[in-house]
Amino acid sequence: MRLESLGLLERRVNVGARVVELSERGLLELYEVREALEGMACRLAAEQRSDEDLVALRGMLAGHEQQEELQAGKAYFQPEGDFDFHFRIVQASKNDLLIDTLCNRLYYRVRMYRYQLGMASPRAQRAFREHSHIIEAIEAGDGELAELLMRRHIRASRQNIENKLR
């Protein structure tokens, strides 16, 4: 029931349950929604920032930077939950509806697409730098810049995926 509520499993009468089929259209729609909502979450995170959130974000990014695949420019893998940059930003927004929508309803679908398409990307180091700039905007309390940077970051990821799919 949990997988079904997350949109990862679908039940069909007289057939049973199966993992949802991932489509190109579904992926692009997901990225459009993420761009808007995560941008908003990023702005709120900058406005609601706490020392605890900033220390956690910086620490997480420092851990990511040590990844061999990232240093080689091959891939940028983020473990699930609190070790995932986007998940942490949404949590820092302190907006319960955004947290529920992005961290509970959409998060695992995004991860499923990431695994399906593979984490290897020529964008690995650039994405990491974008994460650093986003955190700097949050630290500065510049919600407008933080939102803009996050929206650009997700849009660039979507464009990268579109290029992979071609």
N, C-alpha and C. Protein backbone atom coordinates (compact mmCIF):
# COMPACT_ATOMS: atom_id res chain seq x y z
N MET A 1 0.82 -1.19 0.00
CA MET A 1 0.00 0.00 0.00
C MET A 1 0.87 1.25 0.00
N ARG A 2 2.00 1.18 0.72
CA ARG A 2 2.90 2.34 0.76
C ARG A 2 3.48 2.61 -0.63
N LEU A 3 3.94 1.58 -1.32
CA LEU A 3 4.48 1.76 -2.67
C LEU A 3 3.43 2.31 -3.62
N GLU A 4 2.21 1.86 -3.45
CA GLU A 4 1.12 2.35 -4.28
C GLU A 4 0.86 3.83 -3.98
N SER A 5 0.88 4.21 -2.71
CA SER A 5 0.64 5.61 -2.35
C SER A 5 1.76 6.52 -2.85
N LEU A 6 2.96 5.98 -3.03
CA LEU A 6 4.08 6.77 -3.55
C LEU A 6 4.10 6.82 -5.08
N GLY A 7 3.16 6.11 -5.70
CA GLY A 7 3.09 6.11 -7.16
C GLY A 7 4.11 5.20 -7.81
N LEU A 8 4.63 4.24 -7.04
CA LEU A 8 5.64 3.33 -7.56
C LEU A 8 5.07 1.98 -7.97
N LEU A 9 3.85 1.71 -7.51
CA LEU A 9 3.20 0.44 -7.76
C LEU A 9 1.76 0.72 -8.16
N GLU A 10 1.25 -0.06 -9.10
CA GLU A 10 -0.16 0.10 -9.45
C GLU A 10 -0.83 -1.26 -9.39
N ARG A 11 -2.06 -1.23 -8.94
CA ARG A 11 -2.86 -2.46 -8.86
C ARG A 11 -3.89 -2.45 -9.98
N ARG A 12 -4.07 -3.62 -10.55
CA ARG A 12 -5.10 -3.77 -11.59
C ARG A 12 -6.01 -4.93 -11.21
N VAL A 13 -7.28 -4.69 -11.37
CA VAL A 13 -8.27 -5.71 -11.03
C VAL A 13 -8.02 -6.97 -11.85
N ASN A 14 -8.03 -8.09 -11.20
CA ASN A 14 -7.83 -9.41 -11.80
C ASN A 14 -6.46 -9.62 -12.43
N VAL A 15 -5.54 -8.69 -12.21
CA VAL A 15 -4.19 -8.82 -12.74
C VAL A 15 -3.18 -8.86 -11.61
N GLY A 16 -3.37 -8.00 -10.62
CA GLY A 16 -2.45 -7.93 -9.50
C GLY A 16 -1.72 -6.60 -9.47
N ALA A 17 -0.59 -6.61 -8.81
CA ALA A 17 0.19 -5.38 -8.67
C ALA A 17 1.45 -5.48 -9.50
N ARG A 18 1.89 -4.32 -9.99
CA ARG A 18 3.15 -4.28 -10.75
C ARG A 18 3.78 -2.91 -10.59
N VAL A 19 5.07 -2.86 -10.81
CA VAL A 19 5.80 -1.60 -10.74
C VAL A 19 5.34 -0.72 -11.89
N VAL A 20 5.16 0.58 -11.61
CA VAL A 20 4.68 1.49 -12.66
C VAL A 20 5.68 1.57 -13.80
N GLU A 21 5.16 1.80 -14.97
CA GLU A 21 6.02 2.01 -16.13
C GLU A 21 6.45 3.46 -16.15
N LEU A 22 7.71 3.67 -16.37
CA LEU A 22 8.25 5.02 -16.43
C LEU A 22 8.23 5.48 -17.87
N SER A 23 7.75 6.69 -18.06
CA SER A 23 7.66 7.21 -19.42
C SER A 23 8.47 8.50 -19.53
N GLU A 24 8.86 8.80 -20.75
CA GLU A 24 9.59 10.05 -20.99
C GLU A 24 8.71 11.25 -20.61
N ARG A 25 7.47 11.21 -21.01
CA ARG A 25 6.55 12.31 -20.69
C ARG A 25 6.40 12.47 -19.17
N GLY A 26 6.22 11.36 -18.47
CA GLY A 26 6.09 11.40 -17.01
C GLY A 26 7.32 11.99 -16.35
N LEU A 27 8.48 11.64 -16.87
CA LEU A 27 9.73 12.16 -16.32
C LEU A 27 9.84 13.66 -16.53
N LEU A 28 9.53 14.13 -17.73
CA LEU A 28 9.62 15.56 -18.01
C LEU A 28 8.61 16.36 -17.21
N GLU A 29 7.41 15.80 -17.03
CA GLU A 29 6.41 16.47 -16.19
C GLU A 29 6.88 16.55 -14.74
N LEU A 30 7.50 15.48 -14.28
CA LEU A 30 8.03 15.45 -12.91
C LEU A 30 9.08 16.55 -12.72
N TYR A 31 9.95 16.72 -13.70
CA TYR A 31 10.98 17.76 -13.60
C TYR A 31 10.38 19.16 -13.67
N GLU A 32 9.32 19.35 -14.43
CA GLU A 32 8.66 20.66 -14.46
C GLU A 32 8.09 21.01 -13.09
N VAL A 33 7.46 20.04 -12.46
CA VAL A 33 6.89 20.26 -11.12
C VAL A 33 8.00 20.48 -10.10
N ARG A 34 9.05 19.68 -10.19
CA ARG A 34 10.18 19.83 -9.26
C ARG A 34 10.80 21.21 -9.39
N GLU A 35 10.96 21.69 -10.62
CA GLU A 35 11.58 23.01 -10.82
C GLU A 35 10.83 24.08 -10.04
N ALA A 36 9.51 24.07 -10.16
CA ALA A 36 8.71 25.09 -9.48
C ALA A 36 8.71 24.89 -7.97
N LEU A 37 8.42 23.67 -7.52
CA LEU A 37 8.26 23.44 -6.08
C LEU A 37 9.59 23.46 -5.33
N GLU A 38 10.64 22.88 -5.90
CA GLU A 38 11.93 22.90 -5.21
C GLU A 38 12.53 24.31 -5.23
N GLY A 39 12.22 25.07 -6.28
CA GLY A 39 12.64 26.48 -6.27
C GLY A 39 12.02 27.21 -5.10
N MET A 40 10.71 26.99 -4.91
CA MET A 40 10.01 27.61 -3.79
C MET A 40 10.58 27.12 -2.46
N ALA A 41 10.83 25.84 -2.35
CA ALA A 41 11.39 25.28 -1.12
C ALA A 41 12.75 25.90 -0.81
N CYS A 42 13.53 26.14 -1.84
CA CYS A 42 14.85 26.73 -1.67
C CYS A 42 14.74 28.17 -1.16
N ARG A 43 13.79 28.92 -1.71
CA ARG A 43 13.57 30.30 -1.24
C ARG A 43 13.17 30.28 0.23
N LEU A 44 12.25 29.40 0.58
CA LEU A 44 11.81 29.30 1.97
C LEU A 44 12.95 28.85 2.88
N ALA A 45 13.79 27.95 2.40
CA ALA A 45 14.94 27.49 3.20
C ALA A 45 15.87 28.67 3.51
N ALA A 46 16.05 29.55 2.53
CA ALA A 46 16.90 30.73 2.76
C ALA A 46 16.26 31.67 3.77
N GLU A 47 14.95 31.80 3.70
CA GLU A 47 14.24 32.69 4.62
C GLU A 47 14.12 32.10 6.02
N GLN A 48 14.05 30.78 6.12
CA GLN A 48 13.87 30.09 7.41
C GLN A 48 15.16 29.47 7.95
N ARG A 49 16.28 29.75 7.30
CA ARG A 49 17.53 29.04 7.60
C ARG A 49 17.87 29.08 9.09
N SER A 50 18.46 28.00 9.53
CA SER A 50 18.94 27.91 10.90
C SER A 50 20.39 27.47 10.85
N ASP A 51 21.12 27.74 11.91
CA ASP A 51 22.52 27.31 11.97
C ASP A 51 22.61 25.79 11.81
N GLU A 52 21.68 25.08 12.41
CA GLU A 52 21.67 23.62 12.32
C GLU A 52 21.52 23.16 10.88
N ASP A 53 20.59 23.77 10.14
CA ASP A 53 20.40 23.41 8.73
C ASP A 53 21.65 23.71 7.91
N LEU A 54 22.25 24.87 8.15
CA LEU A 54 23.44 25.25 7.38
C LEU A 54 24.60 24.32 7.64
N VAL A 55 24.82 23.96 8.89
CA VAL A 55 25.90 23.02 9.24
C VAL A 55 25.64 21.67 8.57
N ALA A 56 24.39 21.20 8.62
CA ALA A 56 24.05 19.91 8.01
C ALA A 56 24.25 19.94 6.50
N LEU A 57 23.82 21.02 5.85
CA LEU A 57 23.99 21.13 4.39
C LEU A 57 25.46 21.16 4.00
N ARG A 58 26.24 21.96 4.71
CA ARG A 58 27.68 22.04 4.40
C ARG A 58 28.37 20.70 4.65
N GLY A 59 28.03 20.05 5.75
CA GLY A 59 28.62 18.75 6.06
C GLY A 59 28.28 17.70 5.02
N MET A 60 27.02 17.70 4.59
CA MET A 60 26.59 16.76 3.58
C MET A 60 27.35 17.00 2.27
N LEU A 61 27.48 18.26 1.88
CA LEU A 61 28.18 18.58 0.64
C LEU A 61 29.66 18.19 0.72
N ALA A 62 30.27 18.39 1.89
CA ALA A 62 31.67 17.99 2.08
C ALA A 62 31.81 16.48 1.91
N GLY A 63 30.84 15.72 2.40
CA GLY A 63 30.87 14.27 2.21
C GLY A 63 30.72 13.89 0.75
N HIS A 64 29.82 14.57 0.03
CA HIS A 64 29.63 14.30 -1.39
C HIS A 64 30.92 14.56 -2.17
N GLU A 65 31.62 15.63 -1.77
CA GLU A 65 32.83 16.03 -2.50
C GLU A 65 33.91 14.95 -2.47
N GLN A 66 33.87 14.06 -1.49
CA GLN A 66 34.88 13.01 -1.36
C GLN A 66 34.65 11.82 -2.28
N GLN A 67 33.52 11.78 -2.95
CA GLN A 67 33.19 10.65 -3.81
C GLN A 67 34.18 10.55 -4.98
N GLU A 68 34.72 9.37 -5.16
CA GLU A 68 35.69 9.15 -6.24
C GLU A 68 35.07 9.41 -7.61
N GLU A 69 33.82 8.96 -7.79
CA GLU A 69 33.15 9.13 -9.08
C GLU A 69 32.96 10.60 -9.41
N LEU A 70 32.65 11.40 -8.39
CA LEU A 70 32.48 12.84 -8.59
C LEU A 70 33.81 13.49 -8.92
N GLN A 71 34.86 13.14 -8.17
CA GLN A 71 36.18 13.72 -8.42
C GLN A 71 36.67 13.39 -9.82
N ALA A 72 36.29 12.22 -10.32
CA ALA A 72 36.68 11.82 -11.68
C ALA A 72 35.75 12.41 -12.73
N GLY A 73 34.68 13.08 -12.29
CA GLY A 73 33.75 13.70 -13.23
C GLY A 73 32.82 12.70 -13.91
N LYS A 74 32.66 11.52 -13.32
CA LYS A 74 31.85 10.48 -13.95
C LYS A 74 30.41 10.45 -13.46
N ALA A 75 30.21 10.62 -12.16
CA ALA A 75 28.86 10.52 -11.59
C ALA A 75 28.80 11.27 -10.27
N TYR A 76 27.60 11.60 -9.89
CA TYR A 76 27.36 12.28 -8.61
C TYR A 76 26.21 11.54 -7.95
N PHE A 77 26.54 10.59 -7.10
CA PHE A 77 25.53 9.78 -6.43
C PHE A 77 25.23 10.36 -5.06
N GLN A 78 23.95 10.47 -4.74
CA GLN A 78 23.53 10.95 -3.43
C GLN A 78 22.72 9.87 -2.74
N PRO A 79 23.17 9.44 -1.57
CA PRO A 79 22.38 8.45 -0.84
C PRO A 79 20.99 9.00 -0.53
N GLU A 80 20.11 8.12 -0.14
CA GLU A 80 18.71 8.45 0.11
C GLU A 80 18.51 9.30 1.36
N GLY A 81 17.42 10.06 1.35
CA GLY A 81 16.97 10.78 2.54
C GLY A 81 17.86 11.94 2.94
N ASP A 82 18.22 11.98 4.21
CA ASP A 82 18.96 13.11 4.76
C ASP A 82 20.32 13.35 4.09
N PHE A 83 20.80 12.40 3.31
CA PHE A 83 22.08 12.57 2.63
C PHE A 83 21.90 13.04 1.19
N ASP A 84 20.67 13.28 0.80
CA ASP A 84 20.36 13.77 -0.54
C ASP A 84 20.15 15.29 -0.47
N PHE A 85 20.88 16.02 -1.29
CA PHE A 85 20.85 17.48 -1.29
C PHE A 85 19.43 18.03 -1.40
N HIS A 86 18.69 17.55 -2.38
CA HIS A 86 17.35 18.09 -2.62
C HIS A 86 16.41 17.78 -1.46
N PHE A 87 16.49 16.60 -0.93
CA PHE A 87 15.67 16.20 0.21
C PHE A 87 15.94 17.14 1.39
N ARG A 88 17.23 17.42 1.64
CA ARG A 88 17.61 18.28 2.77
C ARG A 88 17.13 19.71 2.60
N ILE A 89 17.21 20.23 1.38
CA ILE A 89 16.74 21.59 1.11
C ILE A 89 15.25 21.68 1.39
N VAL A 90 14.49 20.71 0.90
CA VAL A 90 13.04 20.73 1.12
C VAL A 90 12.74 20.67 2.62
N GLN A 91 13.46 19.83 3.34
CA GLN A 91 13.26 19.75 4.80
C GLN A 91 13.54 21.11 5.46
N ALA A 92 14.56 21.81 4.96
CA ALA A 92 14.94 23.11 5.53
C ALA A 92 13.92 24.20 5.23
N SER A 93 12.99 23.95 4.29
CA SER A 93 11.97 24.95 3.98
C SER A 93 10.99 25.12 5.13
N LYS A 94 10.87 24.09 5.95
CA LYS A 94 9.97 24.08 7.11
C LYS A 94 8.49 24.23 6.70
N ASN A 95 8.18 23.93 5.44
CA ASN A 95 6.81 24.00 4.95
C ASN A 95 6.28 22.57 4.85
N ASP A 96 5.36 22.22 5.73
CA ASP A 96 4.88 20.84 5.82
C ASP A 96 4.24 20.33 4.53
N LEU A 97 3.51 21.17 3.83
CA LEU A 97 2.88 20.72 2.59
C LEU A 97 3.92 20.44 1.51
N LEU A 98 4.92 21.32 1.39
CA LEU A 98 6.01 21.07 0.43
C LEU A 98 6.78 19.81 0.80
N ILE A 99 7.06 19.65 2.07
CA ILE A 99 7.80 18.47 2.53
C ILE A 99 7.02 17.21 2.19
N ASP A 100 5.72 17.20 2.47
CA ASP A 100 4.91 16.03 2.15
C ASP A 100 4.89 15.77 0.65
N THR A 101 4.67 16.81 -0.13
CA THR A 101 4.58 16.66 -1.58
C THR A 101 5.89 16.19 -2.19
N LEU A 102 6.99 16.84 -1.82
CA LEU A 102 8.27 16.54 -2.46
C LEU A 102 9.01 15.36 -1.83
N CYS A 103 8.97 15.25 -0.51
CA CYS A 103 9.75 14.20 0.15
C CYS A 103 8.98 12.89 0.29
N ASN A 104 7.68 12.95 0.29
CA ASN A 104 6.90 11.72 0.44
C ASN A 104 6.28 11.28 -0.87
N ARG A 105 5.68 12.19 -1.60
CA ARG A 105 4.93 11.79 -2.79
C ARG A 105 5.78 11.71 -4.05
N LEU A 106 6.74 12.62 -4.23
CA LEU A 106 7.51 12.64 -5.48
C LEU A 106 8.93 12.11 -5.36
N TYR A 107 9.50 12.15 -4.18
CA TYR A 107 10.92 11.84 -3.98
C TYR A 107 11.30 10.46 -4.52
N TYR A 108 10.53 9.44 -4.17
CA TYR A 108 10.92 8.08 -4.56
C TYR A 108 10.70 7.84 -6.05
N ARG A 109 9.77 8.55 -6.64
CA ARG A 109 9.59 8.45 -8.08
C ARG A 109 10.80 9.05 -8.80
N VAL A 110 11.30 10.18 -8.29
CA VAL A 110 12.50 10.81 -8.86
C VAL A 110 13.67 9.84 -8.75
N ARG A 111 13.85 9.23 -7.59
CA ARG A 111 14.96 8.29 -7.40
C ARG A 111 14.84 7.09 -8.33
N MET A 112 13.61 6.62 -8.57
CA MET A 112 13.41 5.50 -9.47
C MET A 112 13.86 5.86 -10.88
N TYR A 113 13.51 7.06 -11.33
CA TYR A 113 13.97 7.51 -12.64
C TYR A 113 15.49 7.62 -12.67
N ARG A 114 16.08 8.16 -11.60
CA ARG A 114 17.54 8.30 -11.55
C ARG A 114 18.21 6.95 -11.72
N TYR A 115 17.71 5.94 -11.02
CA TYR A 115 18.30 4.60 -11.13
C TYR A 115 18.09 4.02 -12.51
N GLN A 116 16.92 4.25 -13.09
CA GLN A 116 16.64 3.71 -14.41
C GLN A 116 17.58 4.31 -15.45
N LEU A 117 17.80 5.61 -15.37
CA LEU A 117 18.62 6.28 -16.36
C LEU A 117 20.11 6.20 -16.05
N GLY A 118 20.43 5.83 -14.82
CA GLY A 118 21.84 5.77 -14.43
C GLY A 118 22.29 7.09 -13.86
N MET A 119 23.23 7.02 -12.96
CA MET A 119 23.71 8.22 -12.27
C MET A 119 24.90 8.85 -13.00
N ALA A 120 25.48 8.12 -13.94
CA ALA A 120 26.63 8.66 -14.66
C ALA A 120 26.18 9.85 -15.50
N SER A 121 26.97 10.91 -15.45
CA SER A 121 26.59 12.10 -16.19
C SER A 121 27.78 13.02 -16.37
N PRO A 122 27.89 13.62 -17.55
CA PRO A 122 28.95 14.61 -17.74
C PRO A 122 28.69 15.86 -16.91
N ARG A 123 27.49 15.97 -16.33
CA ARG A 123 27.13 17.12 -15.49
C ARG A 123 27.56 16.96 -14.04
N ALA A 124 28.18 15.87 -13.67
CA ALA A 124 28.45 15.56 -12.27
C ALA A 124 29.13 16.71 -11.53
N GLN A 125 30.27 17.16 -12.00
CA GLN A 125 30.99 18.22 -11.29
C GLN A 125 30.25 19.55 -11.36
N ARG A 126 29.62 19.81 -12.48
CA ARG A 126 28.86 21.06 -12.60
C ARG A 126 27.68 21.06 -11.62
N ALA A 127 26.98 19.93 -11.51
CA ALA A 127 25.85 19.82 -10.58
C ALA A 127 26.33 20.04 -9.15
N PHE A 128 27.49 19.50 -8.81
CA PHE A 128 28.03 19.69 -7.47
C PHE A 128 28.31 21.18 -7.21
N ARG A 129 28.91 21.85 -8.19
CA ARG A 129 29.17 23.30 -8.03
C ARG A 129 27.87 24.08 -7.89
N GLU A 130 26.85 23.68 -8.65
CA GLU A 130 25.55 24.33 -8.54
C GLU A 130 24.99 24.16 -7.13
N HIS A 131 25.15 22.98 -6.57
CA HIS A 131 24.71 22.76 -5.18
C HIS A 131 25.44 23.70 -4.23
N SER A 132 26.73 23.88 -4.44
CA SER A 132 27.51 24.79 -3.58
C SER A 132 26.99 26.22 -3.67
N HIS A 133 26.68 26.67 -4.88
CA HIS A 133 26.17 28.04 -5.07
C HIS A 133 24.80 28.21 -4.42
N ILE A 134 23.98 27.18 -4.51
CA ILE A 134 22.66 27.23 -3.89
C ILE A 134 22.80 27.37 -2.37
N ILE A 135 23.69 26.61 -1.79
CA ILE A 135 23.91 26.69 -0.34
C ILE A 135 24.44 28.07 0.04
N GLU A 136 25.31 28.64 -0.78
CA GLU A 136 25.82 29.99 -0.49
C GLU A 136 24.68 31.02 -0.47
N ALA A 137 23.75 30.89 -1.41
CA ALA A 137 22.59 31.81 -1.45
C ALA A 137 21.71 31.61 -0.22
N ILE A 138 21.54 30.37 0.20
CA ILE A 138 20.75 30.10 1.40
C ILE A 138 21.45 30.69 2.62
N GLU A 139 22.75 30.48 2.73
CA GLU A 139 23.52 31.04 3.85
C GLU A 139 23.40 32.56 3.90
N ALA A 140 23.39 33.19 2.74
CA ALA A 140 23.29 34.65 2.67
C ALA A 140 21.87 35.13 2.95
N GLY A 141 20.93 34.20 3.03
CA GLY A 141 19.54 34.58 3.26
C GLY A 141 18.88 35.19 2.03
N ASP A 142 19.46 34.95 0.86
CA ASP A 142 18.94 35.51 -0.39
C ASP A 142 17.99 34.50 -1.03
N GLY A 143 16.74 34.56 -0.60
CA GLY A 143 15.75 33.61 -1.08
C GLY A 143 15.50 33.69 -2.57
N GLU A 144 15.51 34.91 -3.10
CA GLU A 144 15.26 35.08 -4.53
C GLU A 144 16.36 34.41 -5.36
N LEU A 145 17.62 34.63 -4.97
CA LEU A 145 18.73 34.02 -5.68
C LEU A 145 18.73 32.50 -5.50
N ALA A 146 18.45 32.04 -4.28
CA ALA A 146 18.42 30.61 -4.01
C ALA A 146 17.37 29.93 -4.89
N GLU A 147 16.19 30.53 -5.01
CA GLU A 147 15.13 29.97 -5.84
C GLU A 147 15.56 29.94 -7.30
N LEU A 148 16.12 31.03 -7.79
CA LEU A 148 16.57 31.09 -9.18
C LEU A 148 17.62 30.02 -9.48
N LEU A 149 18.59 29.89 -8.58
CA LEU A 149 19.66 28.90 -8.78
C LEU A 149 19.12 27.48 -8.78
N MET A 150 18.18 27.20 -7.88
CA MET A 150 17.61 25.85 -7.83
C MET A 150 16.81 25.57 -9.09
N ARG A 151 16.03 26.54 -9.54
CA ARG A 151 15.25 26.33 -10.75
C ARG A 151 16.17 26.08 -11.95
N ARG A 152 17.23 26.84 -12.05
CA ARG A 152 18.19 26.64 -13.15
C ARG A 152 18.86 25.27 -13.05
N HIS A 153 19.19 24.87 -11.84
CA HIS A 153 19.85 23.59 -11.60
C HIS A 153 18.94 22.43 -12.05
N ILE A 154 17.69 22.46 -11.67
CA ILE A 154 16.77 21.39 -12.05
C ILE A 154 16.49 21.43 -13.54
N ARG A 155 16.38 22.63 -14.11
CA ARG A 155 16.16 22.76 -15.55
C ARG A 155 17.35 22.17 -16.32
N ALA A 156 18.56 22.43 -15.86
CA ALA A 156 19.75 21.87 -16.51
C ALA A 156 19.77 20.35 -16.41
N SER A 157 19.33 19.82 -15.28
CA SER A 157 19.23 18.35 -15.14
C SER A 157 18.21 17.78 -16.10
N ARG A 158 17.08 18.47 -16.22
CA ARG A 158 16.04 18.02 -17.16
C ARG A 158 16.58 18.03 -18.59
N GLN A 159 17.29 19.08 -18.95
CA GLN A 159 17.85 19.16 -20.30
C GLN A 159 18.87 18.06 -20.54
N ASN A 160 19.65 17.75 -19.52
CA ASN A 160 20.62 16.67 -19.62
C ASN A 160 19.92 15.34 -19.87
N ILE A 161 18.82 15.12 -19.17
CA ILE A 161 18.05 13.89 -19.34
C ILE A 161 17.42 13.84 -20.73
N GLU A 162 16.88 14.98 -21.19
CA GLU A 162 16.31 15.02 -22.54
C GLU A 162 17.37 14.65 -23.58
N ASN A 163 18.59 15.14 -23.39
CA ASN A 163 19.67 14.79 -24.32
C ASN A 163 20.00 13.31 -24.26
N LYS A 164 19.97 12.72 -23.07
CA LYS A 164 20.23 11.29 -22.93
C LYS A 164 19.17 10.46 -23.64
N LEU A 165 17.93 10.92 -23.59
CA LEU A 165 16.81 10.17 -24.15
C LEU A 165 16.78 10.24 -25.68
N ARG A 166 17.44 11.23 -26.26
CA ARG A 166 17.43 11.37 -27.72
C ARG A 166 18.27 10.35 -28.40
